[in-house]
C-alpha atoms as a PDB file:
ATOM      1  CA  UNK A   1      -7.779  15.901  17.727  1.00  0.00           C
ATOM      2  CA  UNK A   2      -7.661  12.907  15.160  1.00  0.00           C
ATOM      3  CA  UNK A   3      -9.309  14.482  12.044  1.00  0.00           C
ATOM      4  CA  UNK A   4      -7.689  12.326   9.093  1.00  0.00           C
ATOM      5  CA  UNK A   5      -6.614   8.488   8.638  1.00  0.00           C
ATOM      6  CA  UNK A   6      -4.136   6.935   6.423  1.00  0.00           C
ATOM      7  CA  UNK A   7      -5.173   3.134   5.837  1.00  0.00           C
ATOM      8  CA  UNK A   8      -2.779   0.478   4.714  1.00  0.00           C
ATOM      9  CA  UNK A   9      -4.199  -1.801   2.094  1.00  0.00           C
ATOM     10  CA  UNK A  10      -2.985  -5.473   2.150  1.00  0.00           C
ATOM     11  CA  UNK A  11      -4.031  -7.087   4.990  1.00  0.00           C
ATOM     12  CA  UNK A  12      -5.899  -4.021   6.417  1.00  0.00           C
ATOM     13  CA  UNK A  13      -8.738  -2.827   4.532  1.00  0.00           C
ATOM     14  CA  UNK A  14      -8.177  -5.619   2.133  1.00  0.00           C
ATOM     15  CA  UNK A  15      -7.417  -8.791   4.027  1.00  0.00           C
ATOM     16  CA  UNK A  16      -5.435 -11.579   2.156  1.00  0.00           C
ATOM     17  CA  UNK A  17      -2.740 -13.951   2.731  1.00  0.00           C
ATOM     18  CA  UNK A  18       0.278 -11.786   1.281  1.00  0.00           C
ATOM     19  CA  UNK A  19       2.020 -15.602   0.862  1.00  0.00           C
ATOM     20  CA  UNK A  20      -0.405 -16.601  -1.879  1.00  0.00           C
ATOM     21  CA  UNK A  21      -1.161 -13.119  -3.016  1.00  0.00           C
ATOM     22  CA  UNK A  22       2.928 -12.991  -3.736  1.00  0.00           C
ATOM     23  CA  UNK A  23       3.303 -16.604  -5.321  1.00  0.00           C
ATOM     24  CA  UNK A  24      -0.075 -15.865  -7.534  1.00  0.00           C
ATOM     25  CA  UNK A  25       1.224 -12.437  -8.389  1.00  0.00           C
ATOM     26  CA  UNK A  26       4.586 -13.917 -10.038  1.00  0.00           C
ATOM     27  CA  UNK A  27       2.819 -16.884 -11.866  1.00  0.00           C
ATOM     28  CA  UNK A  28       0.355 -14.380 -13.624  1.00  0.00           C
ATOM     29  CA  UNK A  29       3.243 -12.184 -14.178  1.00  0.00           C
ATOM     30  CA  UNK A  30       6.141 -14.434 -15.313  1.00  0.00           C
ATOM     31  CA  UNK A  31       3.044 -16.153 -17.762  1.00  0.00           C
ATOM     32  CA  UNK A  32       2.641 -12.507 -19.245  1.00  0.00           C
ATOM     33  CA  UNK A  33       6.325 -12.179 -19.818  1.00  0.00           C
ATOM     34  CA  UNK A  34       6.981 -16.266 -20.728  1.00  0.00           C
ATOM     35  CA  UNK A  35       8.374 -15.517 -24.417  1.00  0.00           C
ATOM     36  CA  UNK A  36      10.064 -12.296 -23.218  1.00  0.00           C
ATOM     37  CA  UNK A  37      12.280 -13.110 -19.964  1.00  0.00           C
ATOM     38  CA  UNK A  38      12.811 -16.144 -18.397  1.00  0.00           C
ATOM     39  CA  UNK A  39      10.735 -16.499 -15.299  1.00  0.00           C
ATOM     40  CA  UNK A  40      13.766 -17.078 -12.374  1.00  0.00           C
ATOM     41  CA  UNK A  41      15.453 -13.845 -14.469  1.00  0.00           C
ATOM     42  CA  UNK A  42      12.217 -11.705 -13.975  1.00  0.00           C
ATOM     43  CA  UNK A  43      11.650 -12.680 -10.568  1.00  0.00           C
ATOM     44  CA  UNK A  44      15.085 -12.016  -9.554  1.00  0.00           C
ATOM     45  CA  UNK A  45      15.195  -8.962 -11.515  1.00  0.00           C
ATOM     46  CA  UNK A  46      12.183  -7.523  -9.859  1.00  0.00           C
ATOM     47  CA  UNK A  47      12.675  -8.494  -6.554  1.00  0.00           C
ATOM     48  CA  UNK A  48      16.233  -6.319  -6.823  1.00  0.00           C
ATOM     49  CA  UNK A  49      14.462  -3.513  -8.348  1.00  0.00           C
ATOM     50  CA  UNK A  50      12.077  -3.082  -5.399  1.00  0.00           C
ATOM     51  CA  UNK A  51      14.860  -3.111  -3.051  1.00  0.00           C
ATOM     52  CA  UNK A  52      16.508  -0.639  -5.154  1.00  0.00           C
ATOM     53  CA  UNK A  53      13.406   1.290  -4.996  1.00  0.00           C
ATOM     54  CA  UNK A  54      12.747   0.781  -1.269  1.00  0.00           C
ATOM     55  CA  UNK A  55      16.194   1.951  -0.342  1.00  0.00           C
ATOM     56  CA  UNK A  56      16.423   5.019  -2.220  1.00  0.00           C
ATOM     57  CA  UNK A  57      16.564   8.540  -0.424  1.00  0.00           C
ATOM     58  CA  UNK A  58      16.650  10.551  -3.183  1.00  0.00           C
ATOM     59  CA  UNK A  59      13.475  12.641  -3.469  1.00  0.00           C
ATOM     60  CA  UNK A  60      14.131  13.887  -6.977  1.00  0.00           C
ATOM     61  CA  UNK A  61      13.200  10.463  -8.585  1.00  0.00           C
ATOM     62  CA  UNK A  62       9.434   8.773  -7.966  1.00  0.00           C
ATOM     63  CA  UNK A  63       9.412   5.554  -6.929  1.00  0.00           C
ATOM     64  CA  UNK A  64       8.288   4.207 -10.644  1.00  0.00           C
ATOM     65  CA  UNK A  65      11.549   5.777 -12.027  1.00  0.00           C
ATOM     66  CA  UNK A  66      13.859   4.328  -9.367  1.00  0.00           C
ATOM     67  CA  UNK A  67      12.272   0.585 -10.017  1.00  0.00           C
ATOM     68  CA  UNK A  68      12.951   1.132 -14.024  1.00  0.00           C
ATOM     69  CA  UNK A  69      16.191   2.949 -13.739  1.00  0.00           C
ATOM     70  CA  UNK A  70      17.379  -0.277 -11.954  1.00  0.00           C
ATOM     71  CA  UNK A  71      15.526  -2.970 -13.746  1.00  0.00           C
ATOM     72  CA  UNK A  72      16.803  -1.905 -17.036  1.00  0.00           C
ATOM     73  CA  UNK A  73      20.230  -2.669 -15.806  1.00  0.00           C
ATOM     74  CA  UNK A  74      19.003  -6.059 -15.524  1.00  0.00           C
ATOM     75  CA  UNK A  75      17.406  -7.050 -18.012  1.00  0.00           C
ATOM     76  CA  UNK A  76      18.943  -7.648 -21.865  1.00  0.00           C
ATOM     77  CA  UNK A  77      15.855  -6.171 -23.493  1.00  0.00           C
ATOM     78  CA  UNK A  78      14.436  -2.254 -24.730  1.00  0.00           C
ATOM     79  CA  UNK A  79      12.608  -0.755 -21.954  1.00  0.00           C
ATOM     80  CA  UNK A  80      10.354   0.945 -24.218  1.00  0.00           C
ATOM     81  CA  UNK A  81       8.851  -2.395 -25.218  1.00  0.00           C
ATOM     82  CA  UNK A  82       8.602  -3.481 -21.672  1.00  0.00           C
ATOM     83  CA  UNK A  83       7.137  -1.172 -20.340  1.00  0.00           C
ATOM     84  CA  UNK A  84       3.672  -1.202 -22.327  1.00  0.00           C
ATOM     85  CA  UNK A  85       3.483  -4.917 -21.434  1.00  0.00           C
ATOM     86  CA  UNK A  86       3.834  -4.172 -18.115  1.00  0.00           C
ATOM     87  CA  UNK A  87       0.768  -1.611 -18.526  1.00  0.00           C
ATOM     88  CA  UNK A  88      -1.630  -4.160 -19.708  1.00  0.00           C
ATOM     89  CA  UNK A  89      -0.397  -6.733 -17.093  1.00  0.00           C
ATOM     90  CA  UNK A  90      -1.753  -4.097 -14.163  1.00  0.00           C
ATOM     91  CA  UNK A  91      -4.529  -2.705 -16.604  1.00  0.00           C
ATOM     92  CA  UNK A  92      -5.913  -6.255 -17.639  1.00  0.00           C
ATOM     93  CA  UNK A  93      -3.990  -9.419 -16.176  1.00  0.00           C
ATOM     94  CA  UNK A  94      -3.963  -8.193 -12.514  1.00  0.00           C
ATOM     95  CA  UNK A  95      -7.346  -9.137 -11.923  1.00  0.00           C
ATOM     96  CA  UNK A  96      -6.998 -12.926 -12.085  1.00  0.00           C
ATOM     97  CA  UNK A  97      -5.281 -13.052  -8.672  1.00  0.00           C
ATOM     98  CA  UNK A  98      -8.633 -11.174  -7.045  1.00  0.00           C
ATOM     99  CA  UNK A  99      -9.439 -14.675  -5.687  1.00  0.00           C
ATOM    100  CA  UNK A 100      -6.785 -14.522  -3.207  1.00  0.00           C
ATOM    101  CA  UNK A 101      -8.446 -11.715  -1.353  1.00  0.00           C
ATOM    102  CA  UNK A 102     -11.059 -11.988   1.223  1.00  0.00           C
ATOM    103  CA  UNK A 103     -12.739  -8.594   1.492  1.00  0.00           C
ATOM    104  CA  UNK A 104     -14.564  -7.621   5.034  1.00  0.00           C
ATOM    105  CA  UNK A 105     -18.293  -5.810   4.896  1.00  0.00           C
ATOM    106  CA  UNK A 106     -16.670  -4.348   7.902  1.00  0.00           C
ATOM    107  CA  UNK A 107     -14.379  -2.494   6.151  1.00  0.00           C
ATOM    108  CA  UNK A 108     -17.193  -1.166   3.841  1.00  0.00           C
ATOM    109  CA  UNK A 109     -19.287   0.109   6.769  1.00  0.00           C
ATOM    110  CA  UNK A 110     -16.291   1.528   8.623  1.00  0.00           C
ATOM    111  CA  UNK A 111     -15.220   3.697   5.864  1.00  0.00           C
ATOM    112  CA  UNK A 112     -18.982   5.123   5.125  1.00  0.00           C
ATOM    113  CA  UNK A 113     -19.415   6.112   8.814  1.00  0.00           C
ATOM    114  CA  UNK A 114     -15.619   7.456   8.705  1.00  0.00           C
ATOM    115  CA  UNK A 115     -16.684   9.599   5.570  1.00  0.00           C
ATOM    116  CA  UNK A 116     -20.211  10.498   6.747  1.00  0.00           C
ATOM    117  CA  UNK A 117     -18.876  12.008  10.158  1.00  0.00           C
ATOM    118  CA  UNK A 118     -16.421  14.377   8.018  1.00  0.00           C
ATOM    119  CA  UNK A 119     -12.988  12.491   8.274  1.00  0.00           C
ATOM    120  CA  UNK A 120     -10.220  12.877   5.464  1.00  0.00           C
ATOM    121  CA  UNK A 121      -9.018   9.602   4.377  1.00  0.00           C
ATOM    122  CA  UNK A 122      -6.092   8.373   2.480  1.00  0.00           C
ATOM    123  CA  UNK A 123      -4.564   4.687   1.099  1.00  0.00           C
ATOM    124  CA  UNK A 124      -1.774   4.745   2.401  1.00  0.00           C
ATOM    125  CA  UNK A 125      -0.531   1.512   0.907  1.00  0.00           C
ATOM    126  CA  UNK A 126       3.617   0.984   0.273  1.00  0.00           C
ATOM    127  CA  UNK A 127       3.436   2.680  -3.036  1.00  0.00           C
ATOM    128  CA  UNK A 128       5.293  -0.404  -4.793  1.00  0.00           C
ATOM    129  CA  UNK A 129       2.685  -0.995  -7.491  1.00  0.00           C
ATOM    130  CA  UNK A 130       1.189   1.370 -10.188  1.00  0.00           C
ATOM    131  CA  UNK A 131      -1.922   3.089  -9.748  1.00  0.00           C
ATOM    132  CA  UNK A 132      -4.078   0.465 -11.820  1.00  0.00           C
ATOM    133  CA  UNK A 133      -2.800  -2.631  -9.607  1.00  0.00           C
ATOM    134  CA  UNK A 134      -3.741  -0.324  -6.361  1.00  0.00           C
ATOM    135  CA  UNK A 135      -7.224   0.711  -7.740  1.00  0.00           C
ATOM    136  CA  UNK A 136      -8.222  -2.900  -8.463  1.00  0.00           C
ATOM    137  CA  UNK A 137      -7.162  -3.554  -4.898  1.00  0.00           C
ATOM    138  CA  UNK A 138      -9.187  -1.004  -3.253  1.00  0.00           C
ATOM    139  CA  UNK A 139     -12.367  -2.418  -5.761  1.00  0.00           C
ATOM    140  CA  UNK A 140     -11.443  -5.621  -4.424  1.00  0.00           C
ATOM    141  CA  UNK A 141     -12.161  -4.146  -0.767  1.00  0.00           C
ATOM    142  CA  UNK A 142     -15.458  -3.100  -2.485  1.00  0.00           C
ATOM    143  CA  UNK A 143     -14.706   0.798  -1.940  1.00  0.00           C
ATOM    144  CA  UNK A 144     -14.595   3.845  -3.807  1.00  0.00           C
ATOM    145  CA  UNK A 145     -11.216   5.717  -4.865  1.00  0.00           C
ATOM    146  CA  UNK A 146     -13.328   8.876  -4.680  1.00  0.00           C
ATOM    147  CA  UNK A 147     -13.636   8.396  -0.792  1.00  0.00           C
ATOM    148  CA  UNK A 148     -10.227   8.922  -0.466  1.00  0.00           C
ATOM    149  CA  UNK A 149      -8.205  12.393  -0.738  1.00  0.00           C
ATOM    150  CA  UNK A 150      -5.131  10.620  -1.851  1.00  0.00           C
ATOM    151  CA  UNK A 151      -3.736   7.133  -3.058  1.00  0.00           C
ATOM    152  CA  UNK A 152       0.096   6.336  -2.515  1.00  0.00           C
ATOM    153  CA  UNK A 153       1.055   4.418  -5.961  1.00  0.00           C
ATOM    154  CA  UNK A 154       4.670   4.050  -7.357  1.00  0.00           C
ATOM    155  CA  UNK A 155       3.927   7.014  -9.803  1.00  0.00           C
ATOM    156  CA  UNK A 156       3.131   9.603  -7.076  1.00  0.00           C
ATOM    157  CA  UNK A 157       5.068   8.829  -4.340  1.00  0.00           C
ATOM    158  CA  UNK A 158       9.011   9.180  -3.892  1.00  0.00           C
ATOM    159  CA  UNK A 159       9.812   7.086  -0.767  1.00  0.00           C
ATOM    160  CA  UNK A 160       8.628   3.581   0.160  1.00  0.00           C
ATOM    161  CA  UNK A 161       7.710   2.277   3.439  1.00  0.00           C
ATOM    162  CA  UNK A 162       9.457   1.916   6.230  1.00  0.00           C
ATOM    163  CA  UNK A 163      11.494   5.198   5.487  1.00  0.00           C
ATOM    164  CA  UNK A 164       9.679   8.018   7.349  1.00  0.00           C
ATOM    165  CA  UNK A 165      10.110  10.428   4.566  1.00  0.00           C
ATOM    166  CA  UNK A 166       7.003   8.380   3.022  1.00  0.00           C
ATOM    167  CA  UNK A 167       4.628   9.588   6.022  1.00  0.00           C
ATOM    168  CA  UNK A 168       6.388  12.775   5.966  1.00  0.00           C
ATOM    169  CA  UNK A 169       5.527  13.571   2.057  1.00  0.00           C
ATOM    170  CA  UNK A 170       1.980  12.075   2.917  1.00  0.00           C
ATOM    171  CA  UNK A 171       1.832  14.854   5.343  1.00  0.00           C
ATOM    172  CA  UNK A 172       2.781  17.390   3.104  1.00  0.00           C
ATOM    173  CA  UNK A 173       0.593  16.167   0.092  1.00  0.00           C
ATOM    174  CA  UNK A 174      -2.615  16.235   2.090  1.00  0.00           C
ATOM    175  CA  UNK A 175      -1.258  19.596   4.046  1.00  0.00           C
ATOM    176  CA  UNK A 176      -2.082  17.635   7.728  1.00  0.00           C
ATOM    177  CA  UNK A 177      -0.118  17.862  10.873  1.00  0.00           C
ATOM    178  CA  UNK A 178       0.744  14.300  12.757  1.00  0.00           C
ATOM    179  CA  UNK A 179      -1.241  15.151  15.810  1.00  0.00           C
ATOM    180  CA  UNK A 180      -4.015  15.298  13.577  1.00  0.00           C
ATOM    181  CA  UNK A 181      -3.546  12.209  12.176  1.00  0.00           C
ATOM    182  CA  UNK A 182      -3.881   8.164  12.518  1.00  0.00           C
ATOM    183  CA  UNK A 183      -2.212   5.382  10.645  1.00  0.00           C
ATOM    184  CA  UNK A 184      -4.123   2.187  10.512  1.00  0.00           C
ATOM    185  CA  UNK A 185      -2.172  -0.962   9.328  1.00  0.00           C
ATOM    186  CA  UNK A 186      -1.416  -4.262   9.882  1.00  0.00           C
ATOM    187  CA  UNK A 187       2.672  -4.043   9.868  1.00  0.00           C
ATOM    188  CA  UNK A 188       4.423  -3.082  13.203  1.00  0.00           C
ATOM    189  CA  UNK A 189       7.704  -1.986  11.005  1.00  0.00           C
ATOM    190  CA  UNK A 190       6.060  -0.621   8.003  1.00  0.00           C
ATOM    191  CA  UNK A 191       2.960   1.037   9.246  1.00  0.00           C
ATOM    192  CA  UNK A 192       3.556   1.547  13.134  1.00  0.00           C
ATOM    193  CA  UNK A 193       6.527   3.500  12.402  1.00  0.00           C
ATOM    194  CA  UNK A 194       4.551   6.505  11.568  1.00  0.00           C
ATOM    195  CA  UNK A 195       4.653   6.933  15.389  1.00  0.00           C
ATOM    196  CA  UNK A 196       7.944   8.400  14.901  1.00  0.00           C
ATOM    197  CA  UNK A 197       6.417  11.407  13.882  1.00  0.00           C
ATOM    198  CA  UNK A 198       4.028  11.749  16.277  1.00  0.00           C
ATOM    199  CA  UNK A 199       1.365  10.109  14.257  1.00  0.00           C
ATOM    200  CA  UNK A 200      -1.159   7.895  16.171  1.00  0.00           C
ATOM    201  CA  UNK A 201      -1.206   4.237  15.000  1.00  0.00           C
ATOM    202  CA  UNK A 202      -3.755   1.500  15.307  1.00  0.00           C
ATOM    203  CA  UNK A 203      -2.527  -1.841  14.577  1.00  0.00           C
ATOM    204  CA  UNK A 204      -4.834  -4.264  13.090  1.00  0.00           C
ATOM    205  CA  UNK A 205      -3.708  -7.756  13.974  1.00  0.00           C
ATOM    206  CA  UNK A 206      -6.323 -10.146  11.600  1.00  0.00           C
ATOM    207  CA  UNK A 207      -3.315 -10.232   9.035  1.00  0.00           C
ATOM    208  CA  UNK A 208      -0.486  -9.298  11.360  1.00  0.00           C
ATOM    209  CA  UNK A 209       3.186  -8.712  10.323  1.00  0.00           C
ATOM    210  CA  UNK A 210       5.623  -8.277  12.774  1.00  0.00           C
ATOM    211  CA  UNK A 211       9.713  -8.853  11.871  1.00  0.00           C
ATOM    212  CA  UNK A 212      10.346  -8.187  15.585  1.00  0.00           C
ATOM    213  CA  UNK A 213      12.817  -5.610  15.199  1.00  0.00           C
ATOM    214  CA  UNK A 214      12.705  -2.568  15.080  1.00  0.00           C
ATOM    215  CA  UNK A 215       9.853  -2.357  18.063  1.00  0.00           C
ATOM    216  CA  UNK A 216       6.938  -0.068  17.732  1.00  0.00           C
ATOM    217  CA  UNK A 217       4.377   0.014  20.272  1.00  0.00           C
ATOM    218  CA  UNK A 218       1.037   0.974  18.693  1.00  0.00           C
ATOM    219  CA  UNK A 219      -1.426   3.718  20.468  1.00  0.00           C
ATOM    220  CA  UNK A 220      -4.629   1.365  20.048  1.00  0.00           C
ATOM    221  CA  UNK A 221      -4.366  -2.623  18.191  1.00  0.00           C
ATOM    222  CA  UNK A 222      -7.318  -5.065  18.031  1.00  0.00           C
ATOM    223  CA  UNK A 223      -8.993  -6.927  15.326  1.00  0.00           C
ATOM    224  CA  UNK A 224     -11.107  -5.553  12.573  1.00  0.00           C
ATOM    225  CA  UNK A 225     -13.578  -6.160  14.706  1.00  0.00           C
ATOM    226  CA  UNK A 226     -12.466  -3.889  17.501  1.00  0.00           C
ATOM    227  CA  UNK A 227     -11.584  -1.209  15.284  1.00  0.00           C
ATOM    228  CA  UNK A 228     -14.821  -1.012  13.528  1.00  0.00           C
ATOM    229  CA  UNK A 229     -16.370  -0.289  17.260  1.00  0.00           C
ATOM    230  CA  UNK A 230     -13.270   2.375  17.631  1.00  0.00           C
ATOM    231  CA  UNK A 231     -14.644   3.971  14.660  1.00  0.00           C
ATOM    232  CA  UNK A 232     -18.186   3.958  16.065  1.00  0.00           C
ATOM    233  CA  UNK A 233     -16.888   5.855  19.152  1.00  0.00           C
ATOM    234  CA  UNK A 234     -15.243   8.649  17.024  1.00  0.00           C
ATOM    235  CA  UNK A 235     -16.995  11.742  17.048  1.00  0.00           C
ATOM    236  CA  UNK A 236     -18.322  13.976  14.356  1.00  0.00           C
ATOM    237  CA  UNK A 237     -16.051  16.783  13.199  1.00  0.00           C
ATOM    238  CA  UNK A 238     -17.765  18.264  10.343  1.00  0.00           C
END
């Protein structure tokens, strides 16, 4: 019996256009670092260090540690001075891109239903961003962080999607079994890969991402309204 739901954030609980989000994100970030790092170099370094982080398979390093381990080799600047600027950006400036999101009232309602019916909830967003950036986006969706037993961030995780070790680590952290868990997301390769562990999956198609390879088949699929109706039919468990 399912008693725990893992939710992707961007494109799932928070409908948005990832292309516009990425464009605005780099505009704001490059502006923040404009007097320190040339924009083209900064973007290339960020993308390369994200790739390095995603490819990591060493559990001894958090995603944050992996990111900066690589980033420091790509920019000729004191990392001790750069990190506080990143921190300030995510804490203060990141909110400037809120207008690229399109929050849905259905999300607030379905989370409330699940919470009231006793389900354990997790924000299983790809942990490429620090806690502040993810907490901001949860708030943009109209949700309360306290409603979730875990929020994955680059500070507390050691793997990224689509690595199944990311999902294994979540299950360990929340002490849950895959057969009692469902992953809800909009990305076939990054979210539905959870099915490889025996986790049930629901593909949200409003902001669908499908690179066609590898192919994973969700247990359920539909738009956000379909999922809302699905949630209303789930039994109370507490």
